[in-house]
Amino acid sequence: MSAHDHADGHLPHEPEKATLEGRNKVLGFWLFLGAETVLFGTLFSAFLALRHNTGDGPTSQELFELPMVFAATMILLFSSLMSVFAVQAMHKNKVKPMLGWLLVTILLGLGFLGLEVYEFLNYIDEGHKMPTSAFSSSFYTLVGFHGAHVAFGILWIGLLILQVLKKGLTVVTAPKIYVSAIYWHFIDVVWVFIFTVVYLMGKVG
């Protein structure tokens, strides 16, 4: 079934799967996330191997403030819920609610990034800079790499909102919305592991 078969605006319940192209996009994206998982796994392994090599710099017990990190975690998890609502609205062909949920997802993502930047600036003031120690280098590489993924996701979803406003919700744009939601869930899951492995384990030593 091609995109022209739904040119009248009447979309199926799951428009992201209505065409072979759409299904291939979803499958291909899952394969891409498999590669991303391996990459993040490597960064986690490096951090675990180096987290006690603090040199003359501060330790994780001295640095980490769990209430602020927990707040950032809740913001990011809540944003993931917003993307679920966006996909549900898409499946009901409700474009305005879908765009609204996507916008809220972006705003929460920006809130998360704002807290992360604030956190990093505080760490720098306390002498925890990128070249300070093996611990600091591995920390900023892992957490910063995740933050870059969040920033990319915000930009991606923002561009998709503009595309839907211009072209409407179709079997061409729907798979893009769907895979962006999968991506957003992925970076949320990665953050849960970061919160556990980096912050919780770091605070207890």
N, C-alpha and C. Protein backbone atom coordinates (compact mmCIF):
# COMPACT_ATOMS: atom_id res chain seq x y z
N MET A 1 0.84 -1.19 0.00
CA MET A 1 0.00 0.00 0.00
C MET A 1 0.88 1.24 0.00
N SER A 2 0.59 2.20 -0.85
CA SER A 2 1.43 3.38 -0.99
C SER A 2 0.81 4.56 -0.27
N ALA A 3 1.60 5.64 -0.20
CA ALA A 3 1.12 6.86 0.46
C ALA A 3 -0.05 7.47 -0.30
N HIS A 4 -0.11 7.25 -1.61
CA HIS A 4 -1.19 7.84 -2.40
C HIS A 4 -2.55 7.23 -2.07
N ASP A 5 -2.54 6.03 -1.50
CA ASP A 5 -3.80 5.38 -1.15
C ASP A 5 -4.50 6.08 0.00
N HIS A 6 -3.78 6.95 0.73
CA HIS A 6 -4.38 7.66 1.85
C HIS A 6 -4.30 9.16 1.64
N ALA A 7 -4.28 9.58 0.41
CA ALA A 7 -4.16 11.00 0.12
C ALA A 7 -5.40 11.78 0.51
N ASP A 8 -6.51 11.09 0.77
CA ASP A 8 -7.74 11.79 1.12
C ASP A 8 -7.77 12.21 2.58
N GLY A 9 -6.73 11.87 3.37
CA GLY A 9 -6.66 12.28 4.76
C GLY A 9 -7.25 11.29 5.72
N HIS A 10 -7.88 10.21 5.23
CA HIS A 10 -8.42 9.19 6.10
C HIS A 10 -7.33 8.15 6.35
N LEU A 11 -6.74 8.22 7.53
CA LEU A 11 -5.62 7.35 7.85
C LEU A 11 -6.07 6.13 8.62
N PRO A 12 -5.32 5.04 8.51
CA PRO A 12 -5.62 3.86 9.31
C PRO A 12 -5.30 4.10 10.78
N HIS A 13 -5.67 3.16 11.63
CA HIS A 13 -5.46 3.31 13.07
C HIS A 13 -3.99 3.45 13.41
N GLU A 14 -3.12 2.70 12.75
CA GLU A 14 -1.69 2.78 12.98
C GLU A 14 -1.02 3.22 11.68
N PRO A 15 -1.05 4.52 11.39
CA PRO A 15 -0.55 4.99 10.09
C PRO A 15 0.93 4.74 9.87
N GLU A 16 1.70 4.56 10.96
CA GLU A 16 3.14 4.31 10.80
C GLU A 16 3.42 2.95 10.18
N LYS A 17 2.43 2.06 10.20
CA LYS A 17 2.59 0.72 9.64
C LYS A 17 1.76 0.51 8.38
N ALA A 18 1.21 1.60 7.83
CA ALA A 18 0.29 1.48 6.70
C ALA A 18 1.00 1.19 5.38
N THR A 19 2.29 1.52 5.31
CA THR A 19 3.04 1.30 4.07
C THR A 19 4.28 0.47 4.35
N LEU A 20 4.78 -0.15 3.31
CA LEU A 20 6.02 -0.92 3.45
C LEU A 20 7.17 -0.01 3.85
N GLU A 21 7.20 1.18 3.28
CA GLU A 21 8.25 2.14 3.62
C GLU A 21 8.21 2.49 5.11
N GLY A 22 6.99 2.69 5.62
CA GLY A 22 6.84 3.01 7.04
C GLY A 22 7.31 1.88 7.92
N ARG A 23 6.93 0.66 7.58
CA ARG A 23 7.36 -0.50 8.37
C ARG A 23 8.86 -0.68 8.31
N ASN A 24 9.46 -0.42 7.16
CA ASN A 24 10.91 -0.53 7.04
C ASN A 24 11.63 0.53 7.87
N LYS A 25 11.05 1.72 7.95
CA LYS A 25 11.64 2.77 8.77
C LYS A 25 11.67 2.35 10.24
N VAL A 26 10.57 1.78 10.69
CA VAL A 26 10.49 1.35 12.09
C VAL A 26 11.51 0.24 12.36
N LEU A 27 11.56 -0.75 11.46
CA LEU A 27 12.51 -1.85 11.62
C LEU A 27 13.95 -1.36 11.59
N GLY A 28 14.25 -0.50 10.62
CA GLY A 28 15.60 0.04 10.51
C GLY A 28 16.00 0.85 11.73
N PHE A 29 15.03 1.53 12.32
CA PHE A 29 15.35 2.34 13.49
C PHE A 29 15.65 1.46 14.69
N TRP A 30 14.94 0.34 14.81
CA TRP A 30 15.26 -0.60 15.89
C TRP A 30 16.68 -1.13 15.75
N LEU A 31 17.12 -1.38 14.53
CA LEU A 31 18.49 -1.83 14.30
C LEU A 31 19.49 -0.74 14.69
N PHE A 32 19.15 0.49 14.37
CA PHE A 32 20.00 1.62 14.76
C PHE A 32 20.12 1.71 16.27
N LEU A 33 19.01 1.51 16.98
CA LEU A 33 19.05 1.58 18.44
C LEU A 33 19.88 0.44 19.02
N GLY A 34 19.93 -0.70 18.32
CA GLY A 34 20.80 -1.78 18.76
C GLY A 34 22.25 -1.34 18.77
N ALA A 35 22.66 -0.62 17.73
CA ALA A 35 24.03 -0.10 17.66
C ALA A 35 24.27 0.95 18.75
N GLU A 36 23.27 1.78 19.00
CA GLU A 36 23.38 2.78 20.06
C GLU A 36 23.53 2.13 21.43
N THR A 37 22.83 1.02 21.62
CA THR A 37 22.92 0.30 22.89
C THR A 37 24.34 -0.20 23.13
N VAL A 38 24.96 -0.73 22.08
CA VAL A 38 26.34 -1.19 22.19
C VAL A 38 27.26 -0.03 22.54
N LEU A 39 27.04 1.12 21.91
CA LEU A 39 27.88 2.30 22.17
C LEU A 39 27.74 2.76 23.61
N PHE A 40 26.51 2.87 24.09
CA PHE A 40 26.32 3.28 25.47
C PHE A 40 26.86 2.23 26.44
N GLY A 41 26.74 0.96 26.07
CA GLY A 41 27.29 -0.09 26.91
C GLY A 41 28.79 0.05 27.08
N THR A 42 29.46 0.45 26.02
CA THR A 42 30.91 0.68 26.08
C THR A 42 31.24 1.83 27.02
N LEU A 43 30.45 2.91 26.94
CA LEU A 43 30.69 4.06 27.81
C LEU A 43 30.41 3.72 29.27
N PHE A 44 29.37 2.92 29.51
CA PHE A 44 29.09 2.48 30.88
C PHE A 44 30.25 1.64 31.42
N SER A 45 30.77 0.75 30.59
CA SER A 45 31.87 -0.11 31.02
C SER A 45 33.10 0.72 31.37
N ALA A 46 33.39 1.73 30.54
CA ALA A 46 34.54 2.60 30.81
C ALA A 46 34.35 3.36 32.11
N PHE A 47 33.14 3.85 32.33
CA PHE A 47 32.88 4.60 33.56
C PHE A 47 33.05 3.71 34.79
N LEU A 48 32.49 2.50 34.73
CA LEU A 48 32.59 1.60 35.87
C LEU A 48 34.04 1.24 36.18
N ALA A 49 34.85 1.15 35.13
CA ALA A 49 36.25 0.81 35.34
C ALA A 49 37.05 1.98 35.92
N LEU A 50 36.59 3.20 35.69
CA LEU A 50 37.38 4.38 36.06
C LEU A 50 36.77 5.20 37.19
N ARG A 51 35.61 4.83 37.68
CA ARG A 51 34.88 5.71 38.60
C ARG A 51 35.57 5.95 39.93
N HIS A 52 36.48 5.08 40.33
CA HIS A 52 37.19 5.27 41.59
C HIS A 52 38.54 6.00 41.41
N ASN A 53 38.91 6.27 40.16
CA ASN A 53 40.18 6.95 39.87
C ASN A 53 39.96 8.46 39.86
N THR A 54 39.82 9.02 41.07
CA THR A 54 39.48 10.44 41.19
C THR A 54 40.69 11.35 41.25
N GLY A 55 41.89 10.78 41.45
CA GLY A 55 43.09 11.61 41.54
C GLY A 55 42.99 12.61 42.67
N ASP A 56 43.29 13.88 42.37
CA ASP A 56 43.18 14.94 43.38
C ASP A 56 41.82 15.63 43.33
N GLY A 57 40.94 15.16 42.47
CA GLY A 57 39.63 15.79 42.34
C GLY A 57 38.63 15.26 43.34
N PRO A 58 37.44 15.87 43.37
CA PRO A 58 36.40 15.42 44.31
C PRO A 58 35.86 14.05 43.92
N THR A 59 35.34 13.34 44.90
CA THR A 59 34.74 12.02 44.67
C THR A 59 33.26 12.18 44.35
N SER A 60 32.66 11.11 43.91
CA SER A 60 31.24 11.15 43.58
C SER A 60 30.40 11.40 44.82
N GLN A 61 30.84 10.89 45.99
CA GLN A 61 30.10 11.14 47.23
C GLN A 61 30.08 12.62 47.59
N GLU A 62 31.16 13.30 47.27
CA GLU A 62 31.25 14.73 47.57
C GLU A 62 30.48 15.58 46.56
N LEU A 63 30.33 15.09 45.36
CA LEU A 63 29.75 15.89 44.28
C LEU A 63 28.24 15.77 44.16
N PHE A 64 27.77 14.54 44.07
CA PHE A 64 26.41 14.31 43.61
C PHE A 64 25.36 14.79 44.61
N GLU A 65 24.36 15.49 44.09
CA GLU A 65 23.20 15.93 44.87
C GLU A 65 21.98 15.20 44.32
N LEU A 66 21.59 14.13 45.01
CA LEU A 66 20.55 13.26 44.49
C LEU A 66 19.19 13.94 44.31
N PRO A 67 18.77 14.86 45.19
CA PRO A 67 17.45 15.49 44.97
C PRO A 67 17.34 16.17 43.61
N MET A 68 18.39 16.90 43.19
CA MET A 68 18.34 17.59 41.91
C MET A 68 18.35 16.58 40.75
N VAL A 69 19.19 15.54 40.88
CA VAL A 69 19.24 14.53 39.83
C VAL A 69 17.94 13.76 39.76
N PHE A 70 17.32 13.50 40.91
CA PHE A 70 16.04 12.81 40.93
C PHE A 70 14.96 13.66 40.25
N ALA A 71 14.99 14.98 40.49
CA ALA A 71 14.04 15.87 39.83
C ALA A 71 14.21 15.83 38.32
N ALA A 72 15.47 15.84 37.86
CA ALA A 72 15.73 15.75 36.43
C ALA A 72 15.23 14.42 35.87
N THR A 73 15.39 13.36 36.64
CA THR A 73 14.93 12.05 36.21
C THR A 73 13.42 12.02 36.05
N MET A 74 12.71 12.59 37.01
CA MET A 74 11.25 12.62 36.93
C MET A 74 10.77 13.45 35.74
N ILE A 75 11.47 14.55 35.47
CA ILE A 75 11.11 15.38 34.32
C ILE A 75 11.26 14.58 33.03
N LEU A 76 12.36 13.86 32.90
CA LEU A 76 12.60 13.11 31.67
C LEU A 76 11.62 11.95 31.53
N LEU A 77 11.33 11.26 32.63
CA LEU A 77 10.36 10.17 32.57
C LEU A 77 8.97 10.69 32.24
N PHE A 78 8.61 11.84 32.79
CA PHE A 78 7.31 12.42 32.50
C PHE A 78 7.24 12.83 31.03
N SER A 79 8.35 13.29 30.47
CA SER A 79 8.36 13.65 29.06
C SER A 79 8.13 12.42 28.18
N SER A 80 8.61 11.27 28.65
CA SER A 80 8.38 10.03 27.90
C SER A 80 6.90 9.70 27.87
N LEU A 81 6.22 9.95 28.98
CA LEU A 81 4.77 9.73 29.02
C LEU A 81 4.06 10.65 28.04
N MET A 82 4.54 11.88 27.92
CA MET A 82 3.94 12.82 26.97
C MET A 82 4.06 12.31 25.53
N SER A 83 5.20 11.69 25.22
CA SER A 83 5.37 11.16 23.86
C SER A 83 4.44 9.96 23.63
N VAL A 84 4.13 9.21 24.68
CA VAL A 84 3.14 8.13 24.56
C VAL A 84 1.79 8.72 24.21
N PHE A 85 1.40 9.79 24.90
CA PHE A 85 0.13 10.45 24.60
C PHE A 85 0.11 10.97 23.17
N ALA A 86 1.26 11.46 22.68
CA ALA A 86 1.33 11.97 21.31
C ALA A 86 1.06 10.85 20.31
N VAL A 87 1.65 9.69 20.53
CA VAL A 87 1.43 8.56 19.61
C VAL A 87 -0.01 8.09 19.69
N GLN A 88 -0.58 8.07 20.89
CA GLN A 88 -1.99 7.69 21.03
C GLN A 88 -2.89 8.65 20.26
N ALA A 89 -2.60 9.94 20.34
CA ALA A 89 -3.38 10.93 19.59
C ALA A 89 -3.20 10.73 18.09
N MET A 90 -1.99 10.38 17.68
CA MET A 90 -1.74 10.13 16.27
C MET A 90 -2.57 8.94 15.78
N HIS A 91 -2.66 7.89 16.59
CA HIS A 91 -3.43 6.72 16.20
C HIS A 91 -4.93 7.03 16.09
N LYS A 92 -5.36 8.10 16.74
CA LYS A 92 -6.76 8.52 16.66
C LYS A 92 -6.95 9.65 15.63
N ASN A 93 -5.86 9.95 14.89
CA ASN A 93 -5.88 11.01 13.87
C ASN A 93 -6.24 12.38 14.46
N LYS A 94 -5.83 12.60 15.70
CA LYS A 94 -6.07 13.88 16.35
C LYS A 94 -4.76 14.69 16.29
N VAL A 95 -4.67 15.51 15.27
CA VAL A 95 -3.40 16.17 14.99
C VAL A 95 -3.05 17.23 16.04
N LYS A 96 -4.00 18.09 16.39
CA LYS A 96 -3.70 19.15 17.34
C LYS A 96 -3.28 18.62 18.71
N PRO A 97 -4.01 17.65 19.28
CA PRO A 97 -3.52 17.08 20.55
C PRO A 97 -2.15 16.43 20.40
N MET A 98 -1.91 15.76 19.28
CA MET A 98 -0.61 15.14 19.06
C MET A 98 0.51 16.18 19.09
N LEU A 99 0.30 17.28 18.37
CA LEU A 99 1.29 18.34 18.34
C LEU A 99 1.47 18.96 19.73
N GLY A 100 0.37 19.07 20.47
CA GLY A 100 0.45 19.62 21.82
C GLY A 100 1.31 18.75 22.74
N TRP A 101 1.08 17.43 22.68
CA TRP A 101 1.87 16.52 23.51
C TRP A 101 3.34 16.53 23.09
N LEU A 102 3.59 16.64 21.80
CA LEU A 102 4.98 16.71 21.34
C LEU A 102 5.66 17.98 21.83
N LEU A 103 4.91 19.09 21.84
CA LEU A 103 5.47 20.35 22.33
C LEU A 103 5.80 20.24 23.81
N VAL A 104 4.92 19.62 24.58
CA VAL A 104 5.19 19.44 26.01
C VAL A 104 6.43 18.56 26.20
N THR A 105 6.57 17.54 25.35
CA THR A 105 7.75 16.68 25.41
C THR A 105 9.02 17.51 25.22
N ILE A 106 8.99 18.41 24.25
CA ILE A 106 10.14 19.28 24.00
C ILE A 106 10.44 20.16 25.21
N LEU A 107 9.40 20.76 25.77
CA LEU A 107 9.60 21.67 26.90
C LEU A 107 10.18 20.94 28.10
N LEU A 108 9.70 19.73 28.36
CA LEU A 108 10.25 18.96 29.47
C LEU A 108 11.70 18.55 29.18
N GLY A 109 11.97 18.21 27.92
CA GLY A 109 13.35 17.89 27.55
C GLY A 109 14.27 19.08 27.77
N LEU A 110 13.80 20.28 27.44
CA LEU A 110 14.60 21.48 27.68
C LEU A 110 14.82 21.71 29.18
N GLY A 111 13.78 21.40 29.98
CA GLY A 111 13.92 21.51 31.42
C GLY A 111 14.98 20.57 31.95
N PHE A 112 15.00 19.35 31.42
CA PHE A 112 16.01 18.37 31.82
C PHE A 112 17.41 18.88 31.47
N LEU A 113 17.57 19.37 30.25
CA LEU A 113 18.88 19.88 29.82
C LEU A 113 19.32 21.07 30.67
N GLY A 114 18.37 21.93 31.04
CA GLY A 114 18.70 23.07 31.87
C GLY A 114 19.25 22.64 33.22
N LEU A 115 18.63 21.63 33.83
CA LEU A 115 19.12 21.11 35.10
C LEU A 115 20.50 20.46 34.94
N GLU A 116 20.71 19.79 33.81
CA GLU A 116 22.00 19.14 33.58
C GLU A 116 23.12 20.18 33.41
N VAL A 117 22.84 21.23 32.69
CA VAL A 117 23.83 22.30 32.52
C VAL A 117 24.14 22.94 33.88
N TYR A 118 23.10 23.19 34.67
CA TYR A 118 23.28 23.76 36.00
C TYR A 118 24.13 22.83 36.87
N GLU A 119 23.86 21.54 36.77
CA GLU A 119 24.62 20.54 37.51
C GLU A 119 26.10 20.57 37.10
N PHE A 120 26.36 20.57 35.81
CA PHE A 120 27.73 20.57 35.32
C PHE A 120 28.49 21.82 35.78
N LEU A 121 27.82 22.97 35.73
CA LEU A 121 28.47 24.21 36.15
C LEU A 121 28.84 24.16 37.64
N ASN A 122 27.96 23.57 38.45
CA ASN A 122 28.28 23.41 39.87
C ASN A 122 29.47 22.50 40.07
N TYR A 123 29.53 21.43 39.30
CA TYR A 123 30.65 20.50 39.42
C TYR A 123 31.97 21.17 39.04
N ILE A 124 31.93 21.98 37.99
CA ILE A 124 33.13 22.68 37.55
C ILE A 124 33.63 23.62 38.64
N ASP A 125 32.69 24.31 39.32
CA ASP A 125 33.06 25.21 40.41
C ASP A 125 33.72 24.46 41.56
N GLU A 126 33.38 23.17 41.69
CA GLU A 126 33.93 22.36 42.77
C GLU A 126 35.20 21.61 42.33
N GLY A 127 35.71 21.94 41.15
CA GLY A 127 36.95 21.34 40.69
C GLY A 127 36.80 20.05 39.92
N HIS A 128 35.57 19.73 39.55
CA HIS A 128 35.30 18.48 38.81
C HIS A 128 35.20 18.83 37.32
N LYS A 129 36.36 18.98 36.68
CA LYS A 129 36.40 19.34 35.27
C LYS A 129 36.75 18.12 34.43
N MET A 130 36.57 18.23 33.13
CA MET A 130 36.80 17.10 32.22
C MET A 130 38.19 16.48 32.40
N PRO A 131 39.27 17.29 32.45
CA PRO A 131 40.62 16.68 32.57
C PRO A 131 41.08 16.44 34.00
N THR A 132 40.21 16.65 34.98
CA THR A 132 40.63 16.54 36.38
C THR A 132 41.11 15.14 36.72
N SER A 133 40.38 14.13 36.28
CA SER A 133 40.72 12.75 36.63
C SER A 133 40.07 11.81 35.62
N ALA A 134 40.44 10.53 35.72
CA ALA A 134 39.80 9.52 34.87
C ALA A 134 38.32 9.43 35.17
N PHE A 135 37.97 9.58 36.45
CA PHE A 135 36.56 9.58 36.84
C PHE A 135 35.79 10.71 36.18
N SER A 136 36.34 11.92 36.24
CA SER A 136 35.62 13.06 35.67
C SER A 136 35.51 12.94 34.15
N SER A 137 36.57 12.45 33.50
CA SER A 137 36.52 12.30 32.05
C SER A 137 35.46 11.29 31.63
N SER A 138 35.42 10.15 32.32
CA SER A 138 34.43 9.13 31.97
C SER A 138 33.01 9.59 32.32
N PHE A 139 32.88 10.36 33.40
CA PHE A 139 31.57 10.88 33.79
C PHE A 139 31.02 11.84 32.74
N TYR A 140 31.82 12.83 32.37
CA TYR A 140 31.33 13.82 31.40
C TYR A 140 31.11 13.19 30.02
N THR A 141 31.92 12.20 29.68
CA THR A 141 31.73 11.54 28.39
C THR A 141 30.40 10.81 28.34
N LEU A 142 30.11 10.03 29.38
CA LEU A 142 28.86 9.26 29.41
C LEU A 142 27.64 10.16 29.55
N VAL A 143 27.63 10.99 30.57
CA VAL A 143 26.46 11.83 30.84
C VAL A 143 26.29 12.90 29.76
N GLY A 144 27.42 13.46 29.30
CA GLY A 144 27.34 14.46 28.25
C GLY A 144 26.88 13.88 26.93
N PHE A 145 27.30 12.64 26.64
CA PHE A 145 26.86 11.99 25.41
C PHE A 145 25.36 11.75 25.44
N HIS A 146 24.86 11.38 26.61
CA HIS A 146 23.40 11.23 26.74
C HIS A 146 22.71 12.58 26.57
N GLY A 147 23.28 13.62 27.18
CA GLY A 147 22.69 14.95 27.03
C GLY A 147 22.64 15.40 25.58
N ALA A 148 23.67 15.05 24.81
CA ALA A 148 23.67 15.39 23.38
C ALA A 148 22.54 14.66 22.66
N HIS A 149 22.25 13.43 23.08
CA HIS A 149 21.14 12.69 22.49
C HIS A 149 19.81 13.36 22.82
N VAL A 150 19.69 13.86 24.04
CA VAL A 150 18.46 14.58 24.41
C VAL A 150 18.31 15.83 23.55
N ALA A 151 19.40 16.58 23.39
CA ALA A 151 19.35 17.79 22.57
C ALA A 151 18.97 17.47 21.13
N PHE A 152 19.54 16.38 20.59
CA PHE A 152 19.20 15.98 19.23
C PHE A 152 17.72 15.60 19.15
N GLY A 153 17.21 14.89 20.16
CA GLY A 153 15.81 14.51 20.17
C GLY A 153 14.88 15.71 20.19
N ILE A 154 15.25 16.72 20.96
CA ILE A 154 14.45 17.95 21.00
C ILE A 154 14.42 18.61 19.63
N LEU A 155 15.58 18.72 18.99
CA LEU A 155 15.64 19.32 17.65
C LEU A 155 14.83 18.50 16.66
N TRP A 156 14.96 17.19 16.71
CA TRP A 156 14.26 16.30 15.79
C TRP A 156 12.74 16.45 15.93
N ILE A 157 12.24 16.38 17.17
CA ILE A 157 10.80 16.48 17.38
C ILE A 157 10.31 17.86 16.97
N GLY A 158 11.11 18.90 17.23
CA GLY A 158 10.71 20.24 16.81
C GLY A 158 10.57 20.35 15.30
N LEU A 159 11.50 19.75 14.57
CA LEU A 159 11.42 19.76 13.10
C LEU A 159 10.22 18.95 12.61
N LEU A 160 9.91 17.86 13.31
CA LEU A 160 8.75 17.05 12.92
C LEU A 160 7.45 17.82 13.13
N ILE A 161 7.38 18.59 14.20
CA ILE A 161 6.20 19.43 14.43
C ILE A 161 6.01 20.39 13.27
N LEU A 162 7.10 21.03 12.85
CA LEU A 162 7.01 21.96 11.71
C LEU A 162 6.60 21.23 10.43
N GLN A 163 7.10 20.00 10.24
CA GLN A 163 6.75 19.25 9.04
C GLN A 163 5.27 18.87 9.04
N VAL A 164 4.75 18.47 10.19
CA VAL A 164 3.32 18.13 10.26
C VAL A 164 2.46 19.36 10.04
N LEU A 165 2.88 20.50 10.58
CA LEU A 165 2.13 21.74 10.36
C LEU A 165 2.09 22.10 8.88
N LYS A 166 3.16 21.77 8.17
CA LYS A 166 3.25 22.11 6.74
C LYS A 166 2.57 21.08 5.86
N LYS A 167 2.78 19.79 6.13
CA LYS A 167 2.31 18.73 5.25
C LYS A 167 1.15 17.93 5.81
N GLY A 168 0.86 18.10 7.09
CA GLY A 168 -0.21 17.34 7.72
C GLY A 168 0.27 15.97 8.20
N LEU A 169 -0.63 15.28 8.88
CA LEU A 169 -0.34 13.92 9.34
C LEU A 169 -0.70 12.95 8.24
N THR A 170 0.30 12.29 7.69
CA THR A 170 0.11 11.35 6.59
C THR A 170 0.85 10.05 6.89
N VAL A 171 0.73 9.10 6.00
CA VAL A 171 1.48 7.84 6.16
C VAL A 171 2.97 8.05 5.92
N VAL A 172 3.35 9.24 5.46
CA VAL A 172 4.76 9.58 5.31
C VAL A 172 5.30 10.21 6.59
N THR A 173 4.54 11.12 7.20
CA THR A 173 5.01 11.79 8.42
C THR A 173 4.77 10.94 9.66
N ALA A 174 3.74 10.09 9.65
CA ALA A 174 3.42 9.29 10.84
C ALA A 174 4.56 8.38 11.29
N PRO A 175 5.23 7.65 10.37
CA PRO A 175 6.35 6.82 10.83
C PRO A 175 7.47 7.64 11.47
N LYS A 176 7.67 8.87 11.02
CA LYS A 176 8.70 9.72 11.61
C LYS A 176 8.34 10.09 13.04
N ILE A 177 7.07 10.40 13.26
CA ILE A 177 6.61 10.69 14.62
C ILE A 177 6.79 9.46 15.51
N TYR A 178 6.45 8.31 14.98
CA TYR A 178 6.51 7.07 15.74
C TYR A 178 7.94 6.72 16.15
N VAL A 179 8.88 6.81 15.20
CA VAL A 179 10.27 6.44 15.53
C VAL A 179 10.91 7.50 16.44
N SER A 180 10.46 8.75 16.35
CA SER A 180 10.98 9.76 17.27
C SER A 180 10.55 9.45 18.70
N ALA A 181 9.33 8.91 18.85
CA ALA A 181 8.86 8.51 20.17
C ALA A 181 9.68 7.32 20.69
N ILE A 182 9.98 6.37 19.81
CA ILE A 182 10.83 5.24 20.21
C ILE A 182 12.19 5.76 20.67
N TYR A 183 12.75 6.69 19.92
CA TYR A 183 14.05 7.28 20.28
C TYR A 183 13.97 7.94 21.65
N TRP A 184 12.90 8.68 21.89
CA TRP A 184 12.76 9.39 23.16
C TRP A 184 12.66 8.40 24.32
N HIS A 185 11.93 7.31 24.12
CA HIS A 185 11.85 6.28 25.16
C HIS A 185 13.23 5.67 25.40
N PHE A 186 14.00 5.49 24.33
CA PHE A 186 15.33 4.90 24.46
C PHE A 186 16.24 5.77 25.33
N ILE A 187 16.27 7.07 25.06
CA ILE A 187 17.16 7.92 25.85
C ILE A 187 16.66 8.04 27.29
N ASP A 188 15.36 7.85 27.51
CA ASP A 188 14.84 7.82 28.88
C ASP A 188 15.31 6.56 29.60
N VAL A 189 15.28 5.44 28.92
CA VAL A 189 15.75 4.19 29.53
C VAL A 189 17.23 4.28 29.84
N VAL A 190 18.00 4.84 28.92
CA VAL A 190 19.44 5.01 29.16
C VAL A 190 19.67 5.88 30.39
N TRP A 191 18.85 6.92 30.54
CA TRP A 191 19.02 7.79 31.70
C TRP A 191 18.71 7.05 33.00
N VAL A 192 17.75 6.17 33.01
CA VAL A 192 17.46 5.38 34.22
C VAL A 192 18.70 4.59 34.62
N PHE A 193 19.39 4.02 33.64
CA PHE A 193 20.63 3.30 33.94
C PHE A 193 21.71 4.25 34.44
N ILE A 194 21.80 5.45 33.84
CA ILE A 194 22.77 6.43 34.30
C ILE A 194 22.46 6.84 35.74
N PHE A 195 21.21 7.10 36.03
CA PHE A 195 20.82 7.50 37.38
C PHE A 195 21.20 6.42 38.39
N THR A 196 21.01 5.16 38.01
CA THR A 196 21.31 4.05 38.91
C THR A 196 22.80 3.81 39.04
N VAL A 197 23.47 3.65 37.89
CA VAL A 197 24.89 3.26 37.88
C VAL A 197 25.80 4.42 38.28
N VAL A 198 25.52 5.59 37.76
CA VAL A 198 26.41 6.73 38.02
C VAL A 198 26.09 7.40 39.35
N TYR A 199 24.84 7.78 39.53
CA TYR A 199 24.51 8.60 40.69
C TYR A 199 24.23 7.80 41.96
N LEU A 200 23.35 6.82 41.89
CA LEU A 200 23.05 6.06 43.10
C LEU A 200 24.26 5.25 43.57
N MET A 201 24.89 4.52 42.66
CA MET A 201 26.08 3.77 43.04
C MET A 201 27.21 4.71 43.45
N GLY A 202 27.30 5.86 42.79
CA GLY A 202 28.35 6.81 43.13
C GLY A 202 28.15 7.42 44.52
N LYS A 203 26.91 7.63 44.89
CA LYS A 203 26.64 8.24 46.19
C LYS A 203 26.92 7.26 47.33
N VAL A 204 26.64 5.99 47.11
CA VAL A 204 26.89 5.00 48.17
C VAL A 204 28.32 4.45 48.13
N GLY A 205 29.06 4.81 47.05
CA GLY A 205 30.44 4.36 46.95
C GLY A 205 30.57 3.00 46.32
